[in-house]
N, C-alpha and C. Protein backbone atom coordinates (compact mmCIF):
# COMPACT_ATOMS: atom_id res chain seq x y z
N MET A 1 101.40 -96.59 -180.75
CA MET A 1 102.56 -97.32 -180.26
C MET A 1 102.38 -97.69 -178.80
N ASP A 2 103.19 -98.63 -178.37
CA ASP A 2 103.12 -99.09 -176.99
C ASP A 2 104.30 -98.54 -176.19
N ASP A 3 104.53 -97.25 -176.28
CA ASP A 3 105.61 -96.63 -175.51
C ASP A 3 105.21 -96.55 -174.05
N GLU A 4 106.19 -96.82 -173.18
CA GLU A 4 105.90 -96.70 -171.76
C GLU A 4 106.03 -95.23 -171.34
N PRO A 5 105.32 -94.83 -170.32
CA PRO A 5 105.43 -93.44 -169.85
C PRO A 5 106.84 -93.15 -169.32
N LEU A 6 107.27 -91.92 -169.49
CA LEU A 6 108.59 -91.51 -169.04
C LEU A 6 108.75 -91.73 -167.54
N LYS A 7 107.68 -91.53 -166.79
CA LYS A 7 107.73 -91.72 -165.34
C LYS A 7 108.10 -93.16 -164.98
N ASP A 8 107.53 -94.14 -165.68
CA ASP A 8 107.83 -95.55 -165.41
C ASP A 8 109.29 -95.86 -165.74
N TRP A 9 109.76 -95.32 -166.87
CA TRP A 9 111.14 -95.55 -167.25
C TRP A 9 112.10 -94.96 -166.22
N ALA A 10 111.81 -93.74 -165.76
CA ALA A 10 112.67 -93.08 -164.78
C ALA A 10 112.70 -93.85 -163.46
N GLU A 11 111.57 -94.37 -163.04
CA GLU A 11 111.53 -95.17 -161.80
C GLU A 11 112.37 -96.43 -161.94
N ARG A 12 112.28 -97.08 -163.10
CA ARG A 12 113.05 -98.29 -163.34
C ARG A 12 114.55 -97.98 -163.37
N ARG A 13 114.93 -96.86 -164.00
CA ARG A 13 116.34 -96.47 -164.04
C ARG A 13 116.85 -96.11 -162.65
N ASP A 14 116.07 -95.37 -161.89
CA ASP A 14 116.50 -94.95 -160.55
C ASP A 14 116.61 -96.12 -159.58
N ALA A 15 115.86 -97.18 -159.82
CA ALA A 15 115.93 -98.36 -158.95
C ALA A 15 117.30 -99.04 -159.04
N LYS A 16 118.00 -98.82 -160.14
CA LYS A 16 119.31 -99.45 -160.35
C LYS A 16 120.46 -98.62 -159.81
N ILE A 17 120.22 -97.40 -159.39
CA ILE A 17 121.28 -96.54 -158.87
C ILE A 17 121.84 -97.15 -157.59
N GLY A 18 123.16 -97.19 -157.51
CA GLY A 18 123.83 -97.76 -156.35
C GLY A 18 124.22 -99.21 -156.53
N ARG A 19 123.82 -99.83 -157.63
CA ARG A 19 124.17 -101.23 -157.89
C ARG A 19 125.68 -101.34 -158.08
N LEU A 20 126.29 -102.41 -157.55
CA LEU A 20 127.73 -102.61 -157.64
C LEU A 20 128.06 -103.76 -158.59
N ARG A 21 129.22 -103.67 -159.22
CA ARG A 21 129.73 -104.78 -160.01
C ARG A 21 131.25 -104.81 -159.89
N ALA A 22 131.82 -106.00 -160.11
CA ALA A 22 133.27 -106.16 -160.03
C ALA A 22 133.83 -106.35 -161.43
N VAL A 23 134.92 -105.66 -161.70
CA VAL A 23 135.61 -105.78 -162.98
C VAL A 23 137.06 -106.14 -162.69
N PRO A 24 137.54 -107.27 -163.23
CA PRO A 24 138.94 -107.63 -162.97
C PRO A 24 139.89 -106.66 -163.64
N VAL A 25 141.02 -106.43 -162.99
CA VAL A 25 142.05 -105.57 -163.55
C VAL A 25 142.96 -106.49 -164.36
N VAL A 26 142.93 -106.32 -165.69
CA VAL A 26 143.75 -107.16 -166.57
C VAL A 26 144.68 -106.27 -167.37
N SER A 27 145.80 -106.86 -167.77
CA SER A 27 146.81 -106.08 -168.48
C SER A 27 146.44 -105.89 -169.95
N GLY A 28 145.84 -106.88 -170.58
CA GLY A 28 145.48 -106.77 -171.98
C GLY A 28 146.63 -107.07 -172.92
N ASP A 29 147.80 -107.46 -172.39
CA ASP A 29 148.96 -107.78 -173.24
C ASP A 29 148.75 -109.08 -174.00
N THR A 30 148.12 -110.05 -173.35
CA THR A 30 147.91 -111.35 -173.96
C THR A 30 146.56 -111.38 -174.66
N PRO A 31 146.51 -111.84 -175.92
CA PRO A 31 145.21 -111.94 -176.59
C PRO A 31 144.29 -112.89 -175.83
N GLY A 32 143.04 -112.52 -175.72
CA GLY A 32 142.09 -113.35 -174.99
C GLY A 32 142.20 -113.19 -173.49
N ASP A 33 142.90 -112.16 -173.03
CA ASP A 33 143.11 -111.95 -171.60
C ASP A 33 142.09 -110.96 -171.03
N GLY A 34 140.97 -110.78 -171.70
CA GLY A 34 139.95 -109.84 -171.24
C GLY A 34 139.17 -110.38 -170.06
N PRO A 35 138.14 -109.67 -169.65
CA PRO A 35 137.32 -110.10 -168.51
C PRO A 35 136.72 -111.48 -168.75
N ARG A 36 136.77 -112.32 -167.73
CA ARG A 36 136.23 -113.67 -167.78
C ARG A 36 135.49 -113.95 -166.50
N GLY A 37 135.15 -115.20 -166.29
CA GLY A 37 134.49 -115.60 -165.06
C GLY A 37 135.37 -115.32 -163.86
N ALA A 38 134.76 -114.90 -162.77
CA ALA A 38 135.52 -114.51 -161.58
C ALA A 38 136.30 -115.68 -160.99
N HIS A 39 135.79 -116.89 -161.15
CA HIS A 39 136.43 -118.04 -160.54
C HIS A 39 137.73 -118.43 -161.24
N LEU A 40 138.00 -117.91 -162.44
CA LEU A 40 139.20 -118.29 -163.17
C LEU A 40 140.46 -117.65 -162.61
N ARG A 41 140.36 -116.49 -162.04
CA ARG A 41 141.52 -115.80 -161.47
C ARG A 41 141.15 -115.28 -160.09
N PRO A 42 141.06 -116.14 -159.08
CA PRO A 42 140.63 -115.68 -157.76
C PRO A 42 141.62 -114.73 -157.09
N ASP A 43 142.89 -114.76 -157.48
CA ASP A 43 143.88 -113.88 -156.85
C ASP A 43 144.10 -112.57 -157.61
N ALA A 44 143.39 -112.37 -158.71
CA ALA A 44 143.55 -111.14 -159.49
C ALA A 44 142.85 -109.97 -158.79
N PRO A 45 143.45 -108.79 -158.85
CA PRO A 45 142.80 -107.61 -158.26
C PRO A 45 141.56 -107.22 -159.07
N ARG A 46 140.63 -106.54 -158.40
CA ARG A 46 139.39 -106.13 -159.05
C ARG A 46 139.02 -104.71 -158.65
N VAL A 47 138.31 -104.04 -159.55
CA VAL A 47 137.76 -102.72 -159.28
C VAL A 47 136.26 -102.91 -159.06
N ILE A 48 135.74 -102.40 -157.95
CA ILE A 48 134.31 -102.41 -157.71
C ILE A 48 133.76 -101.12 -158.28
N GLU A 49 132.79 -101.24 -159.18
CA GLU A 49 132.19 -100.06 -159.80
C GLU A 49 130.75 -99.91 -159.32
N ARG A 50 130.31 -98.66 -159.23
CA ARG A 50 128.96 -98.33 -158.77
C ARG A 50 128.22 -97.60 -159.88
N TRP A 51 126.98 -97.99 -160.12
CA TRP A 51 126.15 -97.34 -161.15
C TRP A 51 125.55 -96.08 -160.55
N ASN A 52 125.78 -94.93 -161.18
CA ASN A 52 125.27 -93.65 -160.66
C ASN A 52 124.02 -93.18 -161.40
N GLY A 53 123.48 -94.01 -162.28
CA GLY A 53 122.30 -93.64 -163.05
C GLY A 53 122.63 -93.32 -164.49
N TYR A 54 123.90 -93.04 -164.76
CA TYR A 54 124.32 -92.68 -166.11
C TYR A 54 125.54 -93.47 -166.56
N ALA A 55 126.44 -93.78 -165.64
CA ALA A 55 127.67 -94.49 -165.99
C ALA A 55 128.19 -95.25 -164.78
N TRP A 56 129.08 -96.23 -165.03
CA TRP A 56 129.74 -96.96 -163.94
C TRP A 56 130.93 -96.13 -163.49
N GLU A 57 131.02 -95.87 -162.17
CA GLU A 57 132.13 -95.09 -161.64
C GLU A 57 132.87 -95.93 -160.61
N PRO A 58 134.21 -95.75 -160.47
CA PRO A 58 134.98 -96.52 -159.50
C PRO A 58 134.46 -96.28 -158.08
N HIS A 59 134.37 -97.36 -157.33
CA HIS A 59 133.85 -97.28 -155.96
C HIS A 59 134.86 -97.82 -154.96
N ALA A 60 135.54 -98.93 -155.30
CA ALA A 60 136.52 -99.54 -154.39
C ALA A 60 137.49 -100.38 -155.21
N PHE A 61 138.58 -100.76 -154.57
CA PHE A 61 139.59 -101.62 -155.18
C PHE A 61 139.83 -102.78 -154.24
N THR A 62 139.82 -104.01 -154.76
CA THR A 62 140.06 -105.18 -153.92
C THR A 62 141.24 -105.98 -154.46
N ALA A 63 141.89 -106.72 -153.58
CA ALA A 63 143.08 -107.47 -153.96
C ALA A 63 142.77 -108.85 -154.52
N ASN A 64 141.61 -109.43 -154.15
CA ASN A 64 141.30 -110.78 -154.61
C ASN A 64 139.79 -111.02 -154.60
N LEU A 65 139.38 -112.21 -154.98
CA LEU A 65 137.97 -112.55 -155.09
C LEU A 65 137.28 -112.57 -153.72
N ALA A 66 137.96 -113.01 -152.68
CA ALA A 66 137.35 -113.07 -151.35
C ALA A 66 136.96 -111.67 -150.86
N GLU A 67 137.84 -110.70 -151.04
CA GLU A 67 137.52 -109.33 -150.63
C GLU A 67 136.38 -108.76 -151.47
N THR A 68 136.37 -109.11 -152.75
CA THR A 68 135.32 -108.64 -153.65
C THR A 68 133.96 -109.15 -153.21
N LYS A 69 133.88 -110.45 -152.89
CA LYS A 69 132.61 -111.03 -152.45
C LYS A 69 132.15 -110.42 -151.13
N ALA A 70 133.08 -110.08 -150.25
CA ALA A 70 132.71 -109.46 -148.98
C ALA A 70 132.04 -108.10 -149.20
N ILE A 71 132.46 -107.38 -150.23
CA ILE A 71 131.86 -106.07 -150.52
C ILE A 71 130.55 -106.23 -151.28
N LEU A 72 130.54 -107.10 -152.29
CA LEU A 72 129.35 -107.25 -153.12
C LEU A 72 128.21 -107.96 -152.40
N TYR A 73 128.53 -108.92 -151.54
CA TYR A 73 127.51 -109.72 -150.86
C TYR A 73 127.74 -109.71 -149.35
N PRO A 74 127.54 -108.57 -148.68
CA PRO A 74 127.85 -108.49 -147.25
C PRO A 74 126.97 -109.40 -146.39
N THR A 75 125.71 -109.60 -146.74
CA THR A 75 124.84 -110.45 -145.93
C THR A 75 125.18 -111.91 -146.10
N ALA A 76 125.65 -112.32 -147.25
CA ALA A 76 125.99 -113.73 -147.48
C ALA A 76 127.19 -114.14 -146.63
N THR A 77 128.17 -113.27 -146.46
CA THR A 77 129.33 -113.63 -145.65
C THR A 77 129.00 -113.59 -144.17
N ALA A 78 128.07 -112.75 -143.78
CA ALA A 78 127.71 -112.65 -142.36
C ALA A 78 126.85 -113.83 -141.92
N THR A 79 126.05 -114.40 -142.81
CA THR A 79 125.16 -115.49 -142.43
C THR A 79 125.75 -116.87 -142.69
N SER A 80 126.96 -116.96 -143.24
CA SER A 80 127.54 -118.26 -143.53
C SER A 80 128.34 -118.78 -142.35
N GLU A 81 127.78 -118.70 -141.17
CA GLU A 81 128.42 -119.22 -139.97
C GLU A 81 128.16 -120.71 -139.87
N PRO A 82 129.07 -121.45 -139.23
CA PRO A 82 128.84 -122.88 -139.06
C PRO A 82 127.64 -123.14 -138.14
N PRO A 83 126.98 -124.29 -138.30
CA PRO A 83 125.84 -124.59 -137.43
C PRO A 83 126.28 -124.74 -135.98
N PRO A 84 125.37 -124.59 -135.04
CA PRO A 84 125.72 -124.76 -133.63
C PRO A 84 126.33 -126.14 -133.36
N ALA A 85 127.14 -126.23 -132.32
CA ALA A 85 127.88 -127.45 -132.04
C ALA A 85 126.96 -128.64 -131.75
N GLY A 86 125.82 -128.44 -131.11
CA GLY A 86 124.94 -129.55 -130.73
C GLY A 86 123.99 -130.00 -131.82
N SER A 87 123.95 -129.32 -132.97
CA SER A 87 122.98 -129.69 -134.00
C SER A 87 123.49 -130.85 -134.84
N LYS A 88 122.56 -131.69 -135.29
CA LYS A 88 122.89 -132.83 -136.13
C LYS A 88 122.18 -132.67 -137.46
N PRO A 89 122.76 -133.21 -138.54
CA PRO A 89 122.07 -133.14 -139.81
C PRO A 89 120.79 -133.97 -139.79
N LYS A 90 119.78 -133.53 -140.53
CA LYS A 90 118.51 -134.23 -140.57
C LYS A 90 118.66 -135.54 -141.34
N PRO A 91 118.27 -136.67 -140.76
CA PRO A 91 118.41 -137.94 -141.48
C PRO A 91 117.39 -138.03 -142.62
N LEU A 92 117.70 -138.89 -143.59
CA LEU A 92 116.78 -139.10 -144.70
C LEU A 92 115.50 -139.77 -144.21
N GLY A 93 114.40 -139.39 -144.82
CA GLY A 93 113.12 -140.01 -144.48
C GLY A 93 113.00 -141.39 -145.10
N SER A 94 111.97 -142.13 -144.70
CA SER A 94 111.76 -143.46 -145.25
C SER A 94 111.17 -143.35 -146.65
N GLY A 95 111.27 -144.41 -147.42
CA GLY A 95 110.72 -144.43 -148.77
C GLY A 95 111.82 -144.43 -149.81
N THR A 96 111.41 -144.69 -151.04
CA THR A 96 112.39 -144.76 -152.11
C THR A 96 112.65 -143.38 -152.71
N GLY A 97 111.65 -142.55 -152.83
CA GLY A 97 111.84 -141.22 -153.38
C GLY A 97 112.12 -141.27 -154.87
N LYS A 98 111.66 -140.29 -155.60
CA LYS A 98 111.82 -140.28 -157.05
C LYS A 98 113.28 -140.04 -157.46
N HIS A 99 114.05 -139.38 -156.63
CA HIS A 99 115.41 -139.03 -157.01
C HIS A 99 116.40 -140.16 -156.75
N ARG A 100 116.00 -141.20 -156.05
CA ARG A 100 116.91 -142.28 -155.71
C ARG A 100 116.92 -143.32 -156.82
N LYS A 101 118.09 -143.95 -156.99
CA LYS A 101 118.23 -144.96 -158.03
C LYS A 101 117.45 -146.21 -157.64
N PRO A 102 116.83 -146.87 -158.62
CA PRO A 102 116.18 -148.15 -158.30
C PRO A 102 117.24 -149.22 -158.05
N PRO A 103 116.90 -150.23 -157.28
CA PRO A 103 117.90 -151.27 -157.03
C PRO A 103 118.29 -151.97 -158.33
N ALA A 104 119.57 -152.37 -158.40
CA ALA A 104 120.08 -153.03 -159.60
C ALA A 104 119.46 -154.43 -159.72
N PRO A 105 119.15 -154.89 -160.94
CA PRO A 105 118.60 -156.25 -161.09
C PRO A 105 119.63 -157.28 -160.69
N ARG A 106 119.14 -158.42 -160.13
CA ARG A 106 120.06 -159.48 -159.68
C ARG A 106 120.13 -160.60 -160.65
């Protein structure tokens, strides 16, 4: 058989320890009201869960999607600063480029 060594499996499992995920807090009263895409209910509260190697355990509670993203992606929120005031967007280069539409026939 092609079983992997227990050591490799344990290393792969341990690499996932500390991983976070967000689970929306839903009432379950309405059919079809289960977990869905995060963008559908941005104002819904969420529970942040942490993987401990065996099960997901509660880690934090957030009031909305913005707070959730700040916890799950701390570097993304810190680096999303506006560009410096003196910088200008790079102009398009010359040429037609493959992605540009060809001119309409006359």
